[in-house]
Every structure is written in structure tokens, then in C-alpha cells.
N, C-alpha and C. Protein backbone atom coordinates (compact mmCIF):
# COMPACT_ATOMS: atom_id res chain seq x y z
N MET A 1 122.22 147.06 131.30
CA MET A 1 121.70 145.71 131.36
C MET A 1 121.54 145.17 129.93
N LEU A 2 121.89 143.92 129.75
CA LEU A 2 121.73 143.26 128.45
C LEU A 2 120.26 143.08 128.11
N ASP A 3 119.96 143.03 126.83
CA ASP A 3 118.60 142.71 126.41
C ASP A 3 118.32 141.23 126.55
N CYS A 4 119.29 140.39 126.16
CA CYS A 4 119.05 138.95 126.13
C CYS A 4 120.33 138.19 126.47
N LEU A 5 120.17 137.17 127.31
CA LEU A 5 121.29 136.35 127.75
C LEU A 5 120.87 134.89 127.69
N ILE A 6 121.73 134.05 127.10
CA ILE A 6 121.46 132.62 127.00
C ILE A 6 122.53 131.88 127.80
N LEU A 7 122.09 130.98 128.66
CA LEU A 7 122.98 130.26 129.56
C LEU A 7 122.83 128.76 129.37
N GLY A 8 123.97 128.04 129.32
CA GLY A 8 123.84 126.59 129.35
C GLY A 8 124.74 125.78 128.46
N ASP A 9 124.15 124.72 127.91
CA ASP A 9 124.83 123.64 127.23
C ASP A 9 124.74 123.78 125.70
N SER A 10 124.89 122.67 124.98
CA SER A 10 124.85 122.71 123.52
C SER A 10 123.50 123.18 122.98
N ILE A 11 122.44 122.92 123.71
CA ILE A 11 121.13 123.41 123.28
C ILE A 11 121.09 124.94 123.39
N ALA A 12 121.75 125.48 124.39
CA ALA A 12 121.87 126.94 124.52
C ALA A 12 122.71 127.48 123.36
N VAL A 13 123.79 126.79 123.00
CA VAL A 13 124.63 127.20 121.87
C VAL A 13 123.77 127.26 120.60
N GLY A 14 122.99 126.22 120.36
CA GLY A 14 122.13 126.18 119.18
C GLY A 14 121.06 127.26 119.20
N THR A 15 120.49 127.52 120.37
CA THR A 15 119.47 128.55 120.50
C THR A 15 120.05 129.92 120.14
N GLN A 16 121.28 130.16 120.55
CA GLN A 16 121.92 131.44 120.25
C GLN A 16 122.11 131.64 118.75
N GLN A 17 122.23 130.57 117.99
CA GLN A 17 122.35 130.70 116.54
C GLN A 17 121.06 131.25 115.94
N PHE A 18 119.95 131.03 116.62
CA PHE A 18 118.66 131.56 116.15
C PHE A 18 118.27 132.85 116.88
N ARG A 19 119.06 133.23 117.88
CA ARG A 19 118.90 134.50 118.59
C ARG A 19 120.27 135.18 118.66
N PRO A 20 120.85 135.53 117.49
CA PRO A 20 122.21 136.07 117.46
C PRO A 20 122.38 137.40 118.20
N GLU A 21 121.29 138.07 118.48
CA GLU A 21 121.37 139.33 119.22
C GLU A 21 121.63 139.09 120.70
N CYS A 22 121.50 137.85 121.14
CA CYS A 22 121.70 137.52 122.55
C CYS A 22 123.16 137.21 122.84
N VAL A 23 123.60 137.55 124.03
CA VAL A 23 124.92 137.14 124.53
C VAL A 23 124.74 135.74 125.09
N ALA A 24 125.71 134.86 124.84
CA ALA A 24 125.60 133.50 125.35
C ALA A 24 126.80 133.11 126.19
N TYR A 25 126.52 132.53 127.35
CA TYR A 25 127.53 131.87 128.17
C TYR A 25 127.14 130.39 128.09
N ALA A 26 127.61 129.74 127.05
CA ALA A 26 127.16 128.38 126.77
C ALA A 26 128.30 127.56 126.19
N LYS A 27 128.26 126.25 126.47
CA LYS A 27 129.28 125.34 126.00
C LYS A 27 128.68 123.95 125.83
N GLY A 28 128.94 123.34 124.70
CA GLY A 28 128.46 121.99 124.45
C GLY A 28 129.03 121.00 125.44
N GLY A 29 128.20 120.06 125.87
CA GLY A 29 128.64 118.99 126.76
C GLY A 29 128.75 119.34 128.22
N ILE A 30 128.46 120.57 128.58
CA ILE A 30 128.65 121.02 129.97
C ILE A 30 127.46 120.59 130.83
N ASN A 31 127.74 120.18 132.06
CA ASN A 31 126.65 119.86 132.98
C ASN A 31 126.42 121.05 133.92
N SER A 32 125.40 120.96 134.74
CA SER A 32 125.01 122.08 135.61
C SER A 32 126.11 122.49 136.59
N TRP A 33 126.77 121.50 137.19
CA TRP A 33 127.85 121.80 138.13
C TRP A 33 129.00 122.50 137.42
N GLN A 34 129.40 121.99 136.27
CA GLN A 34 130.50 122.60 135.51
C GLN A 34 130.14 124.02 135.10
N TRP A 35 128.90 124.21 134.67
CA TRP A 35 128.49 125.55 134.22
C TRP A 35 128.59 126.54 135.38
N ASN A 36 128.06 126.17 136.53
CA ASN A 36 128.13 127.07 137.69
C ASN A 36 129.58 127.37 138.07
N LYS A 37 130.43 126.35 138.06
CA LYS A 37 131.83 126.53 138.43
C LYS A 37 132.54 127.47 137.45
N GLN A 38 132.31 127.29 136.16
CA GLN A 38 133.00 128.09 135.14
C GLN A 38 132.46 129.51 135.02
N ASN A 39 131.25 129.74 135.46
CA ASN A 39 130.62 131.05 135.26
C ASN A 39 130.27 131.76 136.56
N LYS A 40 130.93 131.38 137.66
CA LYS A 40 130.55 131.95 138.96
C LYS A 40 130.82 133.45 139.06
N GLN A 41 131.69 133.99 138.21
CA GLN A 41 132.00 135.42 138.26
C GLN A 41 131.17 136.25 137.28
N GLN A 42 130.40 135.59 136.41
CA GLN A 42 129.62 136.29 135.39
C GLN A 42 128.41 136.99 136.00
N SER A 43 128.14 138.17 135.49
CA SER A 43 126.89 138.84 135.83
C SER A 43 125.78 138.17 135.03
N LEU A 44 124.69 137.84 135.67
CA LEU A 44 123.59 137.15 135.01
C LEU A 44 122.34 138.02 135.02
N ALA A 45 122.50 139.25 134.58
CA ALA A 45 121.40 140.20 134.54
C ALA A 45 121.10 140.55 133.08
N ALA A 46 119.83 140.46 132.72
CA ALA A 46 119.38 140.82 131.38
C ALA A 46 117.86 140.97 131.40
N LYS A 47 117.33 141.63 130.40
CA LYS A 47 115.87 141.73 130.32
C LYS A 47 115.25 140.35 130.14
N THR A 48 115.87 139.55 129.25
CA THR A 48 115.41 138.18 129.00
C THR A 48 116.58 137.23 129.20
N VAL A 49 116.35 136.15 129.97
CA VAL A 49 117.36 135.12 130.16
C VAL A 49 116.75 133.78 129.74
N ILE A 50 117.53 133.04 128.93
CA ILE A 50 117.12 131.72 128.46
C ILE A 50 118.13 130.72 129.02
N ILE A 51 117.64 129.67 129.68
CA ILE A 51 118.51 128.68 130.33
C ILE A 51 118.25 127.30 129.76
N SER A 52 119.32 126.60 129.41
CA SER A 52 119.24 125.21 129.00
C SER A 52 120.33 124.42 129.71
N LEU A 53 119.95 123.70 130.74
CA LEU A 53 120.87 122.84 131.47
C LEU A 53 120.12 121.60 131.96
N GLY A 54 120.87 120.54 132.20
CA GLY A 54 120.29 119.32 132.74
C GLY A 54 120.47 118.12 131.84
N SER A 55 120.57 118.34 130.53
CA SER A 55 120.72 117.22 129.60
C SER A 55 122.02 116.46 129.80
N ASN A 56 123.04 117.12 130.30
CA ASN A 56 124.35 116.48 130.48
C ASN A 56 124.63 116.10 131.93
N ASP A 57 123.63 116.25 132.79
CA ASP A 57 123.84 115.90 134.20
C ASP A 57 123.84 114.38 134.35
N HIS A 58 124.60 113.92 135.33
CA HIS A 58 124.72 112.48 135.60
C HIS A 58 124.58 112.28 137.10
N ALA A 59 124.70 111.05 137.54
CA ALA A 59 124.46 110.71 138.95
C ALA A 59 125.32 111.51 139.93
N GLY A 60 126.48 111.97 139.53
CA GLY A 60 127.35 112.72 140.44
C GLY A 60 127.03 114.19 140.56
N VAL A 61 126.07 114.68 139.77
CA VAL A 61 125.72 116.10 139.78
C VAL A 61 124.45 116.29 140.62
N ARG A 62 124.50 117.25 141.52
CA ARG A 62 123.32 117.59 142.33
C ARG A 62 122.48 118.58 141.52
N THR A 63 121.75 118.06 140.57
CA THR A 63 121.06 118.88 139.59
C THR A 63 120.16 119.93 140.22
N LEU A 64 119.29 119.53 141.11
CA LEU A 64 118.36 120.49 141.71
C LEU A 64 119.12 121.61 142.40
N TRP A 65 120.10 121.27 143.20
CA TRP A 65 120.88 122.29 143.92
C TRP A 65 121.58 123.23 142.92
N GLU A 66 122.17 122.66 141.89
CA GLU A 66 122.90 123.48 140.90
C GLU A 66 121.96 124.41 140.14
N LEU A 67 120.79 123.92 139.76
CA LEU A 67 119.83 124.78 139.05
C LEU A 67 119.31 125.88 139.97
N GLN A 68 119.07 125.55 141.23
CA GLN A 68 118.64 126.57 142.20
C GLN A 68 119.73 127.62 142.39
N GLU A 69 120.97 127.17 142.50
CA GLU A 69 122.09 128.09 142.68
C GLU A 69 122.19 129.05 141.48
N LEU A 70 122.08 128.52 140.29
CA LEU A 70 122.11 129.36 139.10
C LEU A 70 120.96 130.36 139.13
N ARG A 71 119.76 129.89 139.39
CA ARG A 71 118.60 130.78 139.31
C ARG A 71 118.65 131.89 140.36
N ARG A 72 119.25 131.62 141.52
CA ARG A 72 119.40 132.67 142.55
C ARG A 72 120.24 133.83 142.04
N ARG A 73 121.12 133.56 141.09
CA ARG A 73 122.04 134.59 140.58
C ARG A 73 121.48 135.35 139.38
N VAL A 74 120.36 134.89 138.82
CA VAL A 74 119.77 135.50 137.63
C VAL A 74 118.84 136.64 138.02
N PHE A 75 119.04 137.77 137.36
CA PHE A 75 118.17 138.93 137.53
C PHE A 75 117.65 139.31 136.16
N ALA A 76 116.33 139.13 135.96
CA ALA A 76 115.75 139.35 134.63
C ALA A 76 114.27 139.70 134.74
N ASP A 77 113.77 140.37 133.70
CA ASP A 77 112.34 140.62 133.62
C ASP A 77 111.60 139.33 133.28
N LYS A 78 112.23 138.50 132.44
CA LYS A 78 111.61 137.25 131.99
C LYS A 78 112.67 136.17 131.88
N VAL A 79 112.40 135.00 132.45
CA VAL A 79 113.32 133.86 132.38
C VAL A 79 112.60 132.68 131.74
N TYR A 80 113.26 132.10 130.75
CA TYR A 80 112.77 130.91 130.07
C TYR A 80 113.71 129.75 130.36
N TRP A 81 113.15 128.58 130.64
CA TRP A 81 113.90 127.34 130.80
C TRP A 81 113.54 126.45 129.64
N ILE A 82 114.54 125.97 128.91
CA ILE A 82 114.30 124.98 127.87
C ILE A 82 114.28 123.62 128.56
N LEU A 83 113.16 122.95 128.48
CA LEU A 83 112.99 121.67 129.17
C LEU A 83 113.78 120.59 128.44
N PRO A 84 114.73 119.96 129.11
CA PRO A 84 115.50 118.89 128.45
C PRO A 84 114.56 117.78 127.98
N ALA A 85 114.78 117.33 126.75
CA ALA A 85 113.93 116.28 126.19
C ALA A 85 114.56 114.90 126.39
N GLY A 86 115.86 114.88 126.56
CA GLY A 86 116.55 113.60 126.70
C GLY A 86 117.95 113.81 127.23
N ASN A 87 118.61 112.69 127.57
CA ASN A 87 120.00 112.75 128.01
C ASN A 87 120.69 111.47 127.57
N HIS A 88 121.97 111.41 127.78
CA HIS A 88 122.75 110.25 127.37
C HIS A 88 122.32 109.05 128.21
N PRO A 89 122.13 107.89 127.58
CA PRO A 89 121.68 106.70 128.33
C PRO A 89 122.62 106.32 129.48
N LYS A 90 123.90 106.65 129.39
CA LYS A 90 124.85 106.30 130.45
C LYS A 90 124.88 107.32 131.59
N SER A 91 123.99 108.30 131.55
CA SER A 91 124.01 109.35 132.57
C SER A 91 123.55 108.85 133.94
N ASP A 92 122.84 107.75 133.99
CA ASP A 92 122.31 107.18 135.23
C ASP A 92 121.30 108.09 135.93
N VAL A 93 120.74 109.03 135.19
CA VAL A 93 119.73 109.93 135.75
C VAL A 93 118.53 109.92 134.79
N SER A 94 117.37 109.71 135.32
CA SER A 94 116.15 109.71 134.51
C SER A 94 115.87 111.12 134.00
N ILE A 95 115.62 111.23 132.70
CA ILE A 95 115.29 112.55 132.15
C ILE A 95 113.99 113.08 132.75
N VAL A 96 113.10 112.20 133.13
CA VAL A 96 111.86 112.61 133.79
C VAL A 96 112.18 113.31 135.12
N ASP A 97 113.15 112.79 135.86
CA ASP A 97 113.56 113.43 137.11
C ASP A 97 114.19 114.79 136.85
N VAL A 98 115.03 114.89 135.83
CA VAL A 98 115.65 116.16 135.48
C VAL A 98 114.57 117.17 135.08
N GLN A 99 113.60 116.73 134.30
CA GLN A 99 112.51 117.63 133.90
C GLN A 99 111.74 118.13 135.12
N LYS A 100 111.49 117.25 136.08
CA LYS A 100 110.79 117.66 137.31
C LYS A 100 111.58 118.72 138.06
N MET A 101 112.91 118.56 138.09
CA MET A 101 113.76 119.54 138.79
C MET A 101 113.73 120.88 138.09
N VAL A 102 113.82 120.88 136.77
CA VAL A 102 113.76 122.13 136.01
C VAL A 102 112.42 122.83 136.28
N LYS A 103 111.34 122.07 136.21
CA LYS A 103 110.01 122.65 136.45
C LYS A 103 109.87 123.19 137.87
N LEU A 104 110.43 122.49 138.83
CA LEU A 104 110.36 122.93 140.22
C LEU A 104 111.04 124.28 140.41
N VAL A 105 112.25 124.41 139.87
CA VAL A 105 112.97 125.68 139.99
C VAL A 105 112.23 126.78 139.24
N ALA A 106 111.78 126.49 138.04
CA ALA A 106 111.04 127.48 137.26
C ALA A 106 109.77 127.93 137.99
N ASP A 107 109.05 126.97 138.56
CA ASP A 107 107.82 127.30 139.30
C ASP A 107 108.10 128.19 140.50
N ASP A 108 109.21 127.96 141.18
CA ASP A 108 109.57 128.78 142.34
C ASP A 108 109.72 130.25 141.99
N TYR A 109 110.08 130.54 140.74
CA TYR A 109 110.32 131.91 140.32
C TYR A 109 109.29 132.41 139.30
N ASN A 110 108.26 131.63 139.05
CA ASN A 110 107.26 131.99 138.03
C ASN A 110 107.88 132.18 136.66
N ASP A 111 108.89 131.36 136.34
CA ASP A 111 109.53 131.38 135.04
C ASP A 111 108.72 130.56 134.05
N VAL A 112 109.04 130.70 132.79
CA VAL A 112 108.37 129.97 131.71
C VAL A 112 109.21 128.75 131.33
N VAL A 113 108.58 127.60 131.22
CA VAL A 113 109.24 126.37 130.78
C VAL A 113 108.81 126.08 129.35
N LEU A 114 109.80 125.93 128.46
CA LEU A 114 109.52 125.66 127.06
C LEU A 114 109.94 124.24 126.68
N PRO A 115 108.99 123.40 126.28
CA PRO A 115 109.36 122.07 125.81
C PRO A 115 109.97 122.18 124.42
N ILE A 116 110.81 121.21 124.08
CA ILE A 116 111.37 121.14 122.72
C ILE A 116 110.36 120.35 121.90
N LEU A 117 109.78 121.00 120.90
CA LEU A 117 108.69 120.38 120.16
C LEU A 117 109.13 119.55 118.97
N SER A 118 110.32 119.79 118.49
CA SER A 118 110.81 119.05 117.32
C SER A 118 112.27 118.69 117.57
N LEU A 119 112.56 117.38 117.59
CA LEU A 119 113.89 116.90 117.97
C LEU A 119 114.67 116.33 116.79
N GLN A 120 116.00 116.37 116.94
CA GLN A 120 116.87 115.65 116.03
C GLN A 120 116.76 114.16 116.34
N SER A 121 117.39 113.33 115.54
CA SER A 121 117.30 111.87 115.71
C SER A 121 117.90 111.38 117.03
N ASP A 122 118.78 112.18 117.67
CA ASP A 122 119.35 111.77 118.95
C ASP A 122 118.37 111.89 120.11
N LYS A 123 117.21 112.49 119.86
CA LYS A 123 116.14 112.67 120.87
C LYS A 123 116.58 113.55 122.05
N ILE A 124 117.63 114.36 121.82
CA ILE A 124 118.13 115.28 122.85
C ILE A 124 118.07 116.72 122.34
N HIS A 125 118.65 116.94 121.18
CA HIS A 125 118.78 118.29 120.63
C HIS A 125 117.60 118.66 119.73
N PRO A 126 117.21 119.92 119.76
CA PRO A 126 116.15 120.37 118.85
C PRO A 126 116.60 120.25 117.39
N SER A 127 115.65 120.02 116.53
CA SER A 127 115.90 120.11 115.10
C SER A 127 115.95 121.61 114.74
N ARG A 128 116.24 121.90 113.50
CA ARG A 128 116.23 123.30 113.05
C ARG A 128 114.86 123.92 113.35
N LYS A 129 113.81 123.17 113.05
CA LYS A 129 112.44 123.64 113.33
C LYS A 129 112.25 123.86 114.83
N GLY A 130 112.81 122.96 115.66
CA GLY A 130 112.70 123.09 117.11
C GLY A 130 113.41 124.32 117.65
N TYR A 131 114.63 124.57 117.13
CA TYR A 131 115.36 125.77 117.55
C TYR A 131 114.62 127.03 117.14
N LYS A 132 114.09 127.02 115.94
CA LYS A 132 113.36 128.19 115.44
C LYS A 132 112.15 128.47 116.33
N ALA A 133 111.43 127.41 116.73
CA ALA A 133 110.27 127.58 117.61
C ALA A 133 110.68 128.13 118.98
N LEU A 134 111.78 127.61 119.54
CA LEU A 134 112.26 128.12 120.83
C LEU A 134 112.63 129.60 120.72
N ALA A 135 113.32 129.95 119.66
CA ALA A 135 113.71 131.36 119.46
C ALA A 135 112.48 132.26 119.38
N GLU A 136 111.48 131.84 118.64
CA GLU A 136 110.27 132.64 118.51
C GLU A 136 109.53 132.78 119.84
N GLU A 137 109.43 131.69 120.58
CA GLU A 137 108.76 131.73 121.88
C GLU A 137 109.45 132.71 122.83
N THR A 138 110.78 132.75 122.80
CA THR A 138 111.51 133.62 123.73
C THR A 138 111.51 135.08 123.25
N LYS A 139 111.17 135.30 122.01
CA LYS A 139 111.04 136.69 121.51
C LYS A 139 109.68 137.27 121.82
N ASN A 140 108.68 136.41 121.94
CA ASN A 140 107.30 136.87 122.10
C ASN A 140 106.97 137.37 123.50
N GLY A 141 107.82 137.03 124.47
CA GLY A 141 107.59 137.49 125.83
C GLY A 141 106.44 136.81 126.53
N ASN A 142 106.09 135.61 126.09
CA ASN A 142 104.97 134.87 126.70
C ASN A 142 105.29 134.44 128.10
């Protein structure tokens, strides 16, 4: 079993830069549906799993269903969800609704939800300080 696995979008890619010991199945710009489709054969078992999805979801993506489907496949001692702070204005999906969906799935499994505390100017991606904080939180086992 892996020690650490990071799953998701560009925020997951950035998080892996601060947790280089982790294996990452992550791609910038990917939405929840695309991620599930591209990674349906991957084993999602690790001691620690970090998930960042939802920022790229749009009206055509069944976000809640996709996040639930992903979480059903994860086997871990500890799972962290990085709470999306923002999304593209043309996504037609309220980031507040996406945040509620992430929290709902995390609550169902007693997972930890981590807000992004320091953002870049795009109000979506963590700043260097934000990535560093996320990396530290996921190392501490809180």
C-alpha cells in the first residue's frame, strides 16, 4: 500500500510539488467526470489520500455523484479533501454549491476538509503559502 496518494486537478498537481513523496493521479483543468473516466482502472489505496476536485466542474457535470463515485473507490487510513475556493465564472455552477457537495461527501466518510487559506490572484489556486499550509496539514494527520 502507498503511503500517500494525491488525486485531482491542478490544485492536486500543485499540492504534490509540496508533497513530492506522494504519488499523484492529477491533471490541470480536469473536472470530476473526466477524472473518474480517466482513472477508473487505478487502485486508490494508500495510508493518506488527498483529493482536490470540483473547481473545474460545470453545469454538465454531476459533481455530487462523481465525488461520491470517487470516494467509494478510495481505501485509506486518512482522507483529506481540499475545499475548492473558486471556479471559472463561465462554469455556471456556484462555488458555494460545489463546496457543499465536497463537504457532504467528506462528512459521509468522516474525512477531513481543508480550506485554502491563502490564494493566488485568480481566487482559485493556492498561493505558495497556501500550498505549503495544505502540505503541512496533510502531514500532521489531523
